[in-house]
Amino acid sequence: MSAADAPTGGLSAARSAAGGMRNTDGADELVRLRKLVAMCSHLSAAAAQQTELEPVLRFLAANTISSVAVLDRGLETIAATSAADADGIVARTRSHAGTAGLKGVLAAAARNRRALRVPGREQNGSIVVAPVSVGDEVAGYLVAVSDAVGDGGAGRGIGGMGEDLMLLACEHAAMVCGVLLGREVVVTAAAGRARRELVEGLLLHRGQDDGEASRWARHLGYDETRHHAVVSVALARGHRAAEQPAVEGVLARLAGDAILVSRTDEVVAVVAEPAGGGTAVEHARRVATDCLTELDRRGLSVAAVGIGNQYRSAAEIASSYSEARRAVASGERMGPGRVILFAELGIHRLLLRFPDVTELRAFADDVIGRLVREDATAGTDYVATLSVYFKELGSPSRAAKRLHVHPNTVAYRLRRVEEITGLRLDLQRDRLMVEMAVEILEGLGS
């Protein structure tokens, strides 16, 4: 071979080798593309079936040589390829990116609705994050962690696919997960609506006991062999007002077997008598009191809590609910944050028939208004003495014992009451007017 031929032969060999490499690269790329198409087809088919998230994640993990999990927006695991992977994926992702870096990647992925590779410290692995969208909201993130980055050939070894194809695969899998989660949300919402409608029907049932209420109750787990009482927690307004989820959560923890429902301005619980003994009303009072204590500890408040009488028949639960609402109305007049039992309302059951309290206040002022003003200006306790006196069935000695004063003091105060009001407590008509006026002031929280 001449000297002139040598370079030509070498150049031809080099061109031939380069062409072979290009052909090999093209063939590899075609194989990876076909693999991606097959994966996406399989994942799309999974979205059309009644499947869980785990099979989708296991399929993606097996085909990309990675560990995969779906996390919620708080980075709590929703599903993972395995229990061991769940904790490891979160820990490794945090370690790889750092807190600030991870937040930035998640925000960018959510904003752009695209899968992104997480930059970070590790040189021997790859982490891909893809947003999982349910409707217009980003419900969480699919995270795929791969150990082998590759052979240096344009990232071909990331998940065994190459960086771009790995991103596409994770993005498609995240879309499928969003479809499955959205289906769960719809089913859960439908079940929640159905349950609320059943509870509403039970609380508002009117008419003859035709068995309809019992059928509703059975679907809710209501046991007609036990007494039940209704608790109505009326929501307050203002910056300290407890919201429905907080109230419902506390009630669910305190009375786990209660039937709960949130309505427009209240949270309602149907509380059963405890298996260990005691009445449903007593149990309901304990639950309500503990609920207020827990909410107060959190700096939250409610308007009032009413408890109806206990009943066994599902058809009578509507009566207990009506009573609980009337107890709430009385409690709201007395002041915020009270637990009121309908059974203890007494004369206030009649006073609740007056929707306008102005008329009630006017009556009380006409009868004992001068006593109220005397107490305010002179520091006397005429109204308080009357209240205890009536509760002790007109016994000055028992009233004195409760007030921690001498019986003569009570007798003196009663004489002054008669002098100031011009009424006589030994006359049934006058005595009834005074007692009604005192009850009105107590019921109105005056």
Foldseek 3Di string as FASTA:
>chain_A
DDPVVVVVVVVVVVVVVVVVVVVVVVVLLVVLVVLLVVLLVVLVVVLVDLDALQVLQLSLCVQLVWWKFWAFPVRQTPDTVDPVSSVVQSVVLCQFQPPVQVVVQVVVQQVVQFKDWRHGDDPQKTKIWGFQDAPNDGGTIMIIIHRHQDDPPQSCNRSVRHDVSSRVSRSSSSPSNNSNVNVVVVVVVVVVVVLQVLVVCLQQPDDDPPVPLVVSCVVQVAALVWKKKKKKFFWDDDPQTDDDVLLVVLLCVLQVSWRWDDDDGIIMTTFTADPVDDHNQVSSVVSLVVSQVVSVVVSHFTQEMFMFDIHRDSNCNNVNSVLRVLQSVLSNLQTTDYYGYSVPCPPVVVVSVDVDCVVLLVLLCLQCVQVVVCCVPVVDCLLVLLQLCVVVVNDLCVSCVVVVHDSVVSVVSQVVSCVRRVADCVDPVSVVSNNSSSSSCNSNND
